[in-house]
N, C-alpha and C. Protein backbone atom coordinates (compact mmCIF):
# COMPACT_ATOMS: atom_id res chain seq x y z
N MET A 1 -77.28 -103.30 -1.92
CA MET A 1 -76.18 -102.37 -2.10
C MET A 1 -76.71 -101.11 -2.77
N PHE A 2 -76.18 -99.99 -2.37
CA PHE A 2 -76.62 -98.70 -2.91
C PHE A 2 -75.75 -98.28 -4.08
N VAL A 3 -76.39 -97.83 -5.14
CA VAL A 3 -75.69 -97.24 -6.27
C VAL A 3 -76.34 -95.89 -6.53
N ALA A 4 -75.54 -94.83 -6.60
CA ALA A 4 -76.07 -93.48 -6.78
C ALA A 4 -76.98 -93.40 -8.00
N ASN A 5 -78.02 -92.61 -7.88
CA ASN A 5 -78.96 -92.34 -8.96
C ASN A 5 -79.70 -93.58 -9.45
N THR A 6 -80.07 -94.47 -8.56
CA THR A 6 -80.80 -95.67 -8.95
C THR A 6 -82.29 -95.59 -8.62
N LEU A 7 -82.74 -94.49 -8.04
CA LEU A 7 -84.15 -94.37 -7.67
C LEU A 7 -84.99 -94.09 -8.90
N THR A 8 -86.15 -94.75 -8.99
CA THR A 8 -87.02 -94.59 -10.14
C THR A 8 -88.46 -94.36 -9.69
N GLY A 9 -89.28 -93.89 -10.63
CA GLY A 9 -90.71 -93.71 -10.37
C GLY A 9 -91.02 -92.36 -9.77
N SER A 10 -92.23 -92.27 -9.19
CA SER A 10 -92.68 -91.02 -8.56
C SER A 10 -91.83 -90.72 -7.32
N LYS A 11 -91.98 -89.53 -6.81
CA LYS A 11 -91.23 -89.16 -5.61
C LYS A 11 -91.55 -90.09 -4.44
N SER A 12 -92.81 -90.42 -4.24
CA SER A 12 -93.17 -91.32 -3.14
C SER A 12 -92.59 -92.72 -3.37
N GLU A 13 -92.55 -93.18 -4.61
CA GLU A 13 -91.94 -94.48 -4.92
C GLU A 13 -90.44 -94.43 -4.66
N GLN A 14 -89.81 -93.31 -4.99
CA GLN A 14 -88.38 -93.17 -4.74
C GLN A 14 -88.08 -93.19 -3.24
N TYR A 15 -88.92 -92.55 -2.45
CA TYR A 15 -88.72 -92.58 -1.00
C TYR A 15 -88.93 -93.99 -0.45
N SER A 16 -89.85 -94.73 -1.03
CA SER A 16 -90.05 -96.11 -0.61
C SER A 16 -88.79 -96.94 -0.90
N GLN A 17 -88.20 -96.74 -2.06
CA GLN A 17 -86.96 -97.42 -2.41
C GLN A 17 -85.82 -97.00 -1.48
N LEU A 18 -85.76 -95.71 -1.19
CA LEU A 18 -84.71 -95.18 -0.32
C LEU A 18 -84.87 -95.72 1.10
N LEU A 19 -86.11 -95.84 1.57
CA LEU A 19 -86.37 -96.42 2.89
C LEU A 19 -85.87 -97.87 2.94
N SER A 20 -86.14 -98.63 1.89
CA SER A 20 -85.66 -100.02 1.84
C SER A 20 -84.14 -100.07 1.88
N GLN A 21 -83.49 -99.18 1.15
CA GLN A 21 -82.03 -99.13 1.15
C GLN A 21 -81.50 -98.76 2.53
N ALA A 22 -82.15 -97.78 3.16
CA ALA A 22 -81.73 -97.35 4.51
C ALA A 22 -81.88 -98.49 5.50
N GLN A 23 -83.01 -99.18 5.44
CA GLN A 23 -83.23 -100.31 6.35
C GLN A 23 -82.19 -101.40 6.12
N GLY A 24 -81.82 -101.64 4.88
CA GLY A 24 -80.80 -102.62 4.56
C GLY A 24 -79.44 -102.23 5.13
N LEU A 25 -79.10 -100.96 5.00
CA LEU A 25 -77.83 -100.46 5.54
C LEU A 25 -77.76 -100.61 7.05
N MET A 26 -78.89 -100.38 7.72
CA MET A 26 -78.89 -100.37 9.18
C MET A 26 -79.25 -101.72 9.80
N HIS A 27 -79.63 -102.68 8.98
CA HIS A 27 -80.10 -103.97 9.48
C HIS A 27 -79.07 -104.62 10.41
N GLY A 28 -79.49 -104.90 11.62
CA GLY A 28 -78.64 -105.57 12.59
C GLY A 28 -77.59 -104.69 13.24
N GLU A 29 -77.56 -103.43 12.90
CA GLU A 29 -76.57 -102.51 13.49
C GLU A 29 -77.27 -101.54 14.43
N LYS A 30 -76.85 -101.52 15.70
CA LYS A 30 -77.46 -100.65 16.71
C LYS A 30 -76.64 -99.38 16.95
N ASN A 31 -75.39 -99.33 16.46
CA ASN A 31 -74.53 -98.19 16.77
C ASN A 31 -75.04 -96.91 16.10
N LEU A 32 -75.31 -95.92 16.92
CA LEU A 32 -75.88 -94.66 16.44
C LEU A 32 -74.94 -93.97 15.45
N ILE A 33 -73.67 -93.88 15.75
CA ILE A 33 -72.73 -93.17 14.87
C ILE A 33 -72.58 -93.88 13.53
N ALA A 34 -72.43 -95.20 13.56
CA ALA A 34 -72.30 -95.96 12.32
C ALA A 34 -73.54 -95.78 11.43
N ASN A 35 -74.71 -95.89 12.03
CA ASN A 35 -75.95 -95.74 11.25
C ASN A 35 -76.14 -94.31 10.76
N ALA A 36 -75.79 -93.33 11.57
CA ALA A 36 -75.92 -91.93 11.15
C ALA A 36 -74.95 -91.63 10.01
N ALA A 37 -73.75 -92.17 10.08
CA ALA A 37 -72.76 -91.95 9.02
C ALA A 37 -73.25 -92.53 7.69
N ASN A 38 -73.69 -93.79 7.72
CA ASN A 38 -74.16 -94.42 6.49
C ASN A 38 -75.43 -93.76 5.96
N LEU A 39 -76.33 -93.41 6.86
CA LEU A 39 -77.58 -92.81 6.42
C LEU A 39 -77.35 -91.43 5.82
N SER A 40 -76.49 -90.62 6.41
CA SER A 40 -76.22 -89.30 5.83
C SER A 40 -75.58 -89.44 4.45
N ALA A 41 -74.68 -90.41 4.26
CA ALA A 41 -74.07 -90.64 2.95
C ALA A 41 -75.12 -91.11 1.94
N LEU A 42 -75.99 -92.02 2.37
CA LEU A 42 -77.04 -92.51 1.48
C LEU A 42 -77.93 -91.37 1.00
N LEU A 43 -78.43 -90.56 1.93
CA LEU A 43 -79.33 -89.47 1.57
C LEU A 43 -78.64 -88.44 0.68
N PHE A 44 -77.42 -88.08 1.05
CA PHE A 44 -76.69 -87.05 0.29
C PHE A 44 -76.46 -87.48 -1.15
N ASN A 45 -76.19 -88.76 -1.35
CA ASN A 45 -75.89 -89.25 -2.69
C ASN A 45 -77.12 -89.67 -3.48
N ALA A 46 -78.22 -89.94 -2.81
CA ALA A 46 -79.42 -90.41 -3.51
C ALA A 46 -80.38 -89.29 -3.88
N LEU A 47 -80.48 -88.28 -3.04
CA LEU A 47 -81.45 -87.21 -3.27
C LEU A 47 -80.83 -86.07 -4.08
N PRO A 48 -81.55 -85.57 -5.07
CA PRO A 48 -81.01 -84.47 -5.88
C PRO A 48 -81.07 -83.13 -5.15
N ASP A 49 -80.22 -82.23 -5.58
CA ASP A 49 -80.23 -80.84 -5.13
C ASP A 49 -80.03 -80.67 -3.63
N LEU A 50 -79.06 -81.39 -3.06
CA LEU A 50 -78.70 -81.21 -1.66
C LEU A 50 -77.29 -80.65 -1.57
N ASN A 51 -77.05 -79.85 -0.53
CA ASN A 51 -75.68 -79.42 -0.25
C ASN A 51 -75.24 -79.82 1.17
N TRP A 52 -76.15 -80.43 1.94
CA TRP A 52 -75.80 -80.92 3.29
C TRP A 52 -76.85 -81.92 3.73
N ALA A 53 -76.39 -83.01 4.31
CA ALA A 53 -77.30 -84.00 4.89
C ALA A 53 -76.60 -84.63 6.07
N GLY A 54 -77.21 -84.55 7.23
CA GLY A 54 -76.57 -85.14 8.39
C GLY A 54 -77.37 -85.00 9.67
N PHE A 55 -76.66 -85.23 10.75
CA PHE A 55 -77.27 -85.33 12.06
C PHE A 55 -76.68 -84.33 13.04
N TYR A 56 -77.55 -83.81 13.88
CA TYR A 56 -77.13 -83.10 15.09
C TYR A 56 -77.67 -83.96 16.24
N LEU A 57 -76.80 -84.30 17.16
CA LEU A 57 -77.17 -85.20 18.25
C LEU A 57 -77.30 -84.42 19.56
N PHE A 58 -78.32 -84.76 20.33
CA PHE A 58 -78.58 -84.06 21.59
C PHE A 58 -77.67 -84.62 22.67
N ASP A 59 -76.93 -83.73 23.33
CA ASP A 59 -75.99 -84.15 24.39
C ASP A 59 -76.55 -83.95 25.79
N GLY A 60 -77.84 -83.66 25.88
CA GLY A 60 -78.48 -83.41 27.17
C GLY A 60 -78.67 -81.93 27.44
N THR A 61 -77.96 -81.10 26.66
CA THR A 61 -78.06 -79.65 26.81
C THR A 61 -78.36 -78.97 25.48
N GLU A 62 -77.64 -79.37 24.44
CA GLU A 62 -77.76 -78.74 23.13
C GLU A 62 -77.50 -79.77 22.03
N LEU A 63 -77.68 -79.34 20.79
CA LEU A 63 -77.40 -80.20 19.65
C LEU A 63 -75.93 -80.06 19.26
N VAL A 64 -75.28 -81.19 19.00
CA VAL A 64 -73.87 -81.21 18.60
C VAL A 64 -73.78 -81.92 17.26
N VAL A 65 -73.01 -81.34 16.34
CA VAL A 65 -72.91 -81.92 15.01
C VAL A 65 -72.44 -83.38 15.10
N GLY A 66 -73.08 -84.21 14.31
CA GLY A 66 -72.74 -85.62 14.21
C GLY A 66 -72.31 -85.93 12.79
N PRO A 67 -72.41 -87.18 12.39
CA PRO A 67 -72.03 -87.56 11.03
C PRO A 67 -72.84 -86.79 9.99
N PHE A 68 -72.15 -86.37 8.93
CA PHE A 68 -72.82 -85.61 7.87
C PHE A 68 -72.04 -85.71 6.58
N GLN A 69 -72.67 -85.23 5.51
CA GLN A 69 -72.06 -85.07 4.19
C GLN A 69 -72.28 -83.62 3.80
N GLY A 70 -71.25 -82.96 3.31
CA GLY A 70 -71.34 -81.57 2.89
C GLY A 70 -70.20 -80.78 3.48
N LEU A 71 -70.28 -79.46 3.37
CA LEU A 71 -69.25 -78.60 3.91
C LEU A 71 -69.25 -78.63 5.43
N PRO A 72 -68.12 -78.26 6.06
CA PRO A 72 -68.09 -78.19 7.53
C PRO A 72 -69.28 -77.38 8.05
N ALA A 73 -69.75 -77.79 9.23
CA ALA A 73 -71.01 -77.25 9.76
C ALA A 73 -70.80 -76.59 11.11
N CYS A 74 -71.83 -75.88 11.55
CA CYS A 74 -71.86 -75.34 12.90
C CYS A 74 -71.71 -76.52 13.86
N ILE A 75 -70.95 -76.34 14.93
CA ILE A 75 -70.68 -77.44 15.85
C ILE A 75 -71.80 -77.61 16.86
N ARG A 76 -72.26 -76.52 17.47
CA ARG A 76 -73.28 -76.61 18.52
C ARG A 76 -74.44 -75.68 18.21
N ILE A 77 -75.65 -76.18 18.47
CA ILE A 77 -76.86 -75.39 18.25
C ILE A 77 -77.73 -75.52 19.50
N PRO A 78 -78.04 -74.40 20.15
CA PRO A 78 -78.93 -74.44 21.32
C PRO A 78 -80.35 -74.83 20.92
N LEU A 79 -81.05 -75.51 21.81
CA LEU A 79 -82.46 -75.83 21.56
C LEU A 79 -83.23 -74.53 21.37
N GLY A 80 -84.10 -74.53 20.38
CA GLY A 80 -84.90 -73.35 20.10
C GLY A 80 -84.25 -72.35 19.15
N LYS A 81 -83.00 -72.57 18.77
CA LYS A 81 -82.29 -71.65 17.88
C LYS A 81 -82.18 -72.25 16.48
N GLY A 82 -82.43 -71.43 15.48
CA GLY A 82 -82.34 -71.89 14.11
C GLY A 82 -83.38 -72.96 13.80
N VAL A 83 -83.28 -73.52 12.61
CA VAL A 83 -84.24 -74.54 12.19
C VAL A 83 -84.04 -75.83 12.98
N CYS A 84 -82.78 -76.24 13.17
CA CYS A 84 -82.50 -77.48 13.92
C CYS A 84 -82.96 -77.37 15.37
N GLY A 85 -82.60 -76.28 16.02
CA GLY A 85 -82.99 -76.09 17.41
C GLY A 85 -84.49 -75.98 17.59
N THR A 86 -85.16 -75.38 16.60
CA THR A 86 -86.62 -75.27 16.64
C THR A 86 -87.26 -76.64 16.51
N ALA A 87 -86.76 -77.46 15.56
CA ALA A 87 -87.30 -78.81 15.39
C ALA A 87 -87.09 -79.64 16.65
N ALA A 88 -85.91 -79.51 17.26
CA ALA A 88 -85.61 -80.28 18.47
C ALA A 88 -86.50 -79.87 19.62
N LEU A 89 -86.68 -78.57 19.82
CA LEU A 89 -87.49 -78.08 20.93
C LEU A 89 -88.97 -78.37 20.74
N SER A 90 -89.48 -78.15 19.51
CA SER A 90 -90.90 -78.36 19.23
C SER A 90 -91.25 -79.82 18.99
N ARG A 91 -90.21 -80.61 18.66
CA ARG A 91 -90.39 -82.02 18.30
C ARG A 91 -91.31 -82.17 17.10
N GLU A 92 -91.25 -81.20 16.22
CA GLU A 92 -92.03 -81.21 14.98
C GLU A 92 -91.10 -80.96 13.80
N THR A 93 -91.33 -81.68 12.70
CA THR A 93 -90.56 -81.48 11.49
C THR A 93 -90.73 -80.04 11.02
N GLN A 94 -89.61 -79.45 10.64
CA GLN A 94 -89.61 -78.09 10.10
C GLN A 94 -89.28 -78.17 8.61
N VAL A 95 -90.20 -77.71 7.76
CA VAL A 95 -89.96 -77.61 6.33
C VAL A 95 -89.88 -76.13 6.01
N VAL A 96 -88.69 -75.69 5.60
CA VAL A 96 -88.46 -74.26 5.37
C VAL A 96 -88.26 -74.02 3.88
N TYR A 97 -89.22 -73.34 3.28
CA TYR A 97 -89.21 -73.05 1.85
C TYR A 97 -88.03 -72.16 1.49
N ASP A 98 -87.80 -71.12 2.29
CA ASP A 98 -86.71 -70.16 2.05
C ASP A 98 -86.09 -69.83 3.41
N VAL A 99 -84.86 -70.29 3.62
CA VAL A 99 -84.22 -70.10 4.92
C VAL A 99 -84.04 -68.63 5.30
N HIS A 100 -84.00 -67.75 4.30
CA HIS A 100 -83.82 -66.33 4.59
C HIS A 100 -85.06 -65.71 5.22
N GLU A 101 -86.17 -66.44 5.16
CA GLU A 101 -87.40 -65.96 5.77
C GLU A 101 -87.71 -66.65 7.10
N PHE A 102 -86.78 -67.50 7.55
CA PHE A 102 -86.97 -68.19 8.83
C PHE A 102 -86.30 -67.35 9.92
N PRO A 103 -87.08 -66.84 10.89
CA PRO A 103 -86.50 -66.00 11.94
C PRO A 103 -85.41 -66.76 12.72
N GLY A 104 -84.24 -66.18 12.79
CA GLY A 104 -83.15 -66.78 13.55
C GLY A 104 -82.42 -67.90 12.83
N HIS A 105 -82.60 -68.02 11.51
CA HIS A 105 -81.90 -69.07 10.76
C HIS A 105 -80.39 -68.95 10.99
N ILE A 106 -79.74 -70.08 11.23
CA ILE A 106 -78.29 -70.13 11.41
C ILE A 106 -77.69 -70.56 10.08
N ALA A 107 -76.92 -69.68 9.47
CA ALA A 107 -76.35 -69.96 8.15
C ALA A 107 -74.97 -70.60 8.29
N CYS A 108 -74.95 -71.93 8.37
CA CYS A 108 -73.68 -72.65 8.41
C CYS A 108 -73.05 -72.68 7.02
N ASP A 109 -73.86 -72.81 5.98
CA ASP A 109 -73.41 -72.81 4.59
C ASP A 109 -74.22 -71.75 3.86
N ALA A 110 -73.55 -70.72 3.35
CA ALA A 110 -74.23 -69.63 2.68
C ALA A 110 -75.01 -70.08 1.44
N ALA A 111 -74.67 -71.24 0.90
CA ALA A 111 -75.36 -71.74 -0.29
C ALA A 111 -76.75 -72.29 0.02
N SER A 112 -77.02 -72.62 1.28
CA SER A 112 -78.32 -73.20 1.64
C SER A 112 -79.45 -72.20 1.42
N GLN A 113 -80.49 -72.67 0.74
CA GLN A 113 -81.64 -71.82 0.44
C GLN A 113 -82.93 -72.38 1.04
N SER A 114 -82.99 -73.70 1.21
CA SER A 114 -84.15 -74.33 1.84
C SER A 114 -83.66 -75.47 2.72
N GLU A 115 -84.54 -75.91 3.63
CA GLU A 115 -84.09 -76.87 4.63
C GLU A 115 -85.26 -77.68 5.16
N ILE A 116 -84.97 -78.91 5.54
CA ILE A 116 -85.94 -79.74 6.24
C ILE A 116 -85.21 -80.38 7.41
N VAL A 117 -85.84 -80.35 8.58
CA VAL A 117 -85.24 -80.92 9.79
C VAL A 117 -86.28 -81.78 10.49
N ILE A 118 -85.91 -83.05 10.70
CA ILE A 118 -86.80 -84.01 11.33
C ILE A 118 -86.26 -84.34 12.72
N PRO A 119 -87.05 -84.12 13.78
CA PRO A 119 -86.60 -84.50 15.12
C PRO A 119 -86.55 -86.01 15.28
N LEU A 120 -85.59 -86.49 16.03
CA LEU A 120 -85.41 -87.91 16.30
C LEU A 120 -85.78 -88.15 17.75
N ILE A 121 -86.91 -88.81 17.99
CA ILE A 121 -87.44 -89.02 19.33
C ILE A 121 -87.51 -90.52 19.60
N SER A 122 -86.92 -90.95 20.71
CA SER A 122 -86.94 -92.38 21.07
C SER A 122 -88.36 -92.81 21.44
N SER A 123 -88.57 -94.13 21.50
CA SER A 123 -89.88 -94.65 21.88
C SER A 123 -90.22 -94.26 23.32
N ALA A 124 -89.20 -93.92 24.12
CA ALA A 124 -89.42 -93.47 25.50
C ALA A 124 -89.69 -91.97 25.56
N GLY A 125 -89.72 -91.32 24.40
CA GLY A 125 -90.00 -89.89 24.35
C GLY A 125 -88.79 -89.00 24.55
N GLU A 126 -87.59 -89.57 24.50
CA GLU A 126 -86.37 -88.78 24.70
C GLU A 126 -85.83 -88.27 23.36
N LEU A 127 -85.34 -87.03 23.37
CA LEU A 127 -84.74 -86.44 22.18
C LEU A 127 -83.37 -87.07 21.92
N ILE A 128 -83.21 -87.64 20.74
CA ILE A 128 -81.92 -88.20 20.31
C ILE A 128 -81.14 -87.13 19.56
N GLY A 129 -81.83 -86.37 18.73
CA GLY A 129 -81.21 -85.34 17.91
C GLY A 129 -82.14 -84.98 16.77
N VAL A 130 -81.54 -84.54 15.66
CA VAL A 130 -82.32 -84.18 14.48
C VAL A 130 -81.59 -84.66 13.23
N LEU A 131 -82.37 -84.93 12.20
CA LEU A 131 -81.86 -85.17 10.85
C LEU A 131 -82.05 -83.87 10.10
N ASP A 132 -80.97 -83.31 9.59
CA ASP A 132 -80.98 -81.99 8.96
C ASP A 132 -80.55 -82.14 7.50
N ILE A 133 -81.35 -81.60 6.59
CA ILE A 133 -81.02 -81.67 5.16
C ILE A 133 -81.23 -80.29 4.56
N ASP A 134 -80.19 -79.81 3.86
CA ASP A 134 -80.20 -78.49 3.25
C ASP A 134 -80.10 -78.60 1.73
N SER A 135 -80.65 -77.60 1.05
CA SER A 135 -80.59 -77.54 -0.41
C SER A 135 -80.20 -76.14 -0.87
N PRO A 136 -79.46 -76.04 -1.97
CA PRO A 136 -79.15 -74.73 -2.54
C PRO A 136 -80.30 -74.19 -3.40
N VAL A 137 -81.44 -74.88 -3.38
CA VAL A 137 -82.60 -74.51 -4.19
C VAL A 137 -83.75 -74.06 -3.28
N VAL A 138 -84.27 -72.87 -3.50
CA VAL A 138 -85.44 -72.40 -2.75
C VAL A 138 -86.62 -73.33 -3.05
N GLY A 139 -87.35 -73.72 -2.01
CA GLY A 139 -88.54 -74.54 -2.19
C GLY A 139 -88.27 -75.99 -2.54
N ARG A 140 -87.09 -76.49 -2.24
CA ARG A 140 -86.71 -77.87 -2.61
C ARG A 140 -87.57 -78.93 -1.90
N PHE A 141 -88.04 -78.67 -0.69
CA PHE A 141 -88.71 -79.69 0.11
C PHE A 141 -90.21 -79.44 0.19
N ASP A 142 -90.98 -80.53 0.13
CA ASP A 142 -92.43 -80.42 0.20
C ASP A 142 -92.97 -81.52 1.12
N ASP A 143 -94.30 -81.71 1.10
CA ASP A 143 -94.92 -82.69 1.98
C ASP A 143 -94.51 -84.13 1.65
N GLU A 144 -94.23 -84.42 0.38
CA GLU A 144 -93.76 -85.77 0.03
C GLU A 144 -92.37 -86.01 0.61
N ASP A 145 -91.52 -84.98 0.59
CA ASP A 145 -90.20 -85.10 1.22
C ASP A 145 -90.36 -85.30 2.72
N ARG A 146 -91.26 -84.53 3.31
CA ARG A 146 -91.51 -84.66 4.75
C ARG A 146 -91.90 -86.10 5.09
N ALA A 147 -92.88 -86.64 4.40
CA ALA A 147 -93.36 -88.00 4.68
C ALA A 147 -92.25 -89.03 4.47
N GLY A 148 -91.54 -88.92 3.37
CA GLY A 148 -90.48 -89.87 3.08
C GLY A 148 -89.34 -89.80 4.07
N LEU A 149 -88.92 -88.60 4.43
CA LEU A 149 -87.81 -88.44 5.36
C LEU A 149 -88.21 -88.76 6.79
N GLU A 150 -89.47 -88.50 7.15
CA GLU A 150 -89.93 -88.91 8.48
C GLU A 150 -89.92 -90.43 8.62
N ALA A 151 -90.28 -91.14 7.55
CA ALA A 151 -90.26 -92.61 7.58
C ALA A 151 -88.82 -93.11 7.72
N ILE A 152 -87.89 -92.48 7.02
CA ILE A 152 -86.48 -92.87 7.11
C ILE A 152 -85.94 -92.54 8.50
N ALA A 153 -86.31 -91.40 9.04
CA ALA A 153 -85.88 -91.03 10.40
C ALA A 153 -86.44 -92.03 11.42
N ALA A 154 -87.68 -92.45 11.24
CA ALA A 154 -88.28 -93.44 12.15
C ALA A 154 -87.52 -94.77 12.07
N ALA A 155 -87.08 -95.15 10.88
CA ALA A 155 -86.29 -96.38 10.72
C ALA A 155 -84.96 -96.25 11.41
N PHE A 156 -84.36 -95.06 11.36
CA PHE A 156 -83.10 -94.81 12.06
C PHE A 156 -83.29 -94.95 13.58
N VAL A 157 -84.33 -94.32 14.10
CA VAL A 157 -84.60 -94.39 15.54
C VAL A 157 -84.84 -95.84 15.96
N ALA A 158 -85.60 -96.58 15.16
CA ALA A 158 -85.87 -97.98 15.48
C ALA A 158 -84.58 -98.80 15.47
N ALA A 159 -83.69 -98.51 14.54
CA ALA A 159 -82.44 -99.27 14.43
C ALA A 159 -81.52 -99.03 15.62
N VAL A 160 -81.50 -97.81 16.13
CA VAL A 160 -80.56 -97.48 17.22
C VAL A 160 -81.16 -97.66 18.61
N SER A 161 -82.44 -97.95 18.67
CA SER A 161 -83.11 -98.12 19.97
C SER A 161 -82.96 -99.52 20.51
């Protein structure tokens, strides 16, 4: 069971704990929406300094907002546009230190200052969507966040595949 603010130790240890919690939440559940809803709530409540955590799901043409925590968001994002569209098109995690310096950044929430977006790719190589996390703090995300969130995203993909 998840209880807010229960992560301890170094950042990498906290991500290990968070991964275990995520796997527990998703254990035996294949439904993409259910897992995305629980995972976005888990991340939003467990990680400090976030103002948005959620999913954009690929509909075959563009990204469409899925389950999330935070203020209302942009509904549709074309591939290649903004941080989410760039991550989806490139299939590479985007770690943005300062969103105001990212060409073509889409400002869904004016409070967002930094962002990390992890593409969700099935084992068959198909784009499922992206995991998008925003912070009101410039420079909030680093390589440890990338590694930890990529592992959690991989657990999500494995659960829904």
